[in-house]
């Protein structure tokens, strides 16, 4: 229809790096997802809507992933460590704007797999695939100001810092915009994002003019 953008199903995505494979989650990955989201440090940065403070691994890997994928909003992936084929993290895309060819990526890594650069390696590969293989013009990543580890992942994955993104009720200045695109404000109804409660956004430039960006949230 004129003036409207058709809802698209999020593209199937599987990418490999020297140490990881990023693939869609399945029911068999529920236990691994429970381990990732059950960690206290991960929960510290999760803007959870539920009083239980927990994400159900099976639902995250199955119906929630399917709903997000079918709606075109994004998808849920597992970060598989190639040396033992173990799912050691979760990565997901969301807030996809098909008109602007923009999406946001978030991630969480199991405690035993942190500190080895696996998150940055996986995020970098997914961002490149989305931009070069699936035509996205911009990939965003939001990070809470106090989440130093997540900020390092964004930088190592080649994202460029853009600024502070104002959350509802905050007096902070809005995130700065880059020449590659705009920053989309967070939505209270959005599902949990281990990348950080007050989210931010970052950018990586390519010869094509596409970009990656990350922002802090307040």
Foldseek 3Di string as FASTA:
>chain_A
DPPDDDFDQADADWDDDPWKIKHQAAQVCLVLQQQQQVDPLLLVFKPAPDPVSGDRSNCLRPVVQVVCRRRNFKGKIFIAGVVVRHGFKIKMWGPQDVVQLEIEMFMTGRPVPPPPLSLLRVVLRVVCCSVVPVPRQEYWYWAAPVPPSLVVSCVSSQWAEFEEDEAVPDPDDHTHQDPSDGDDHDDPPDHIGSRGDQIFITWHQDPVSGIGIGTHGD
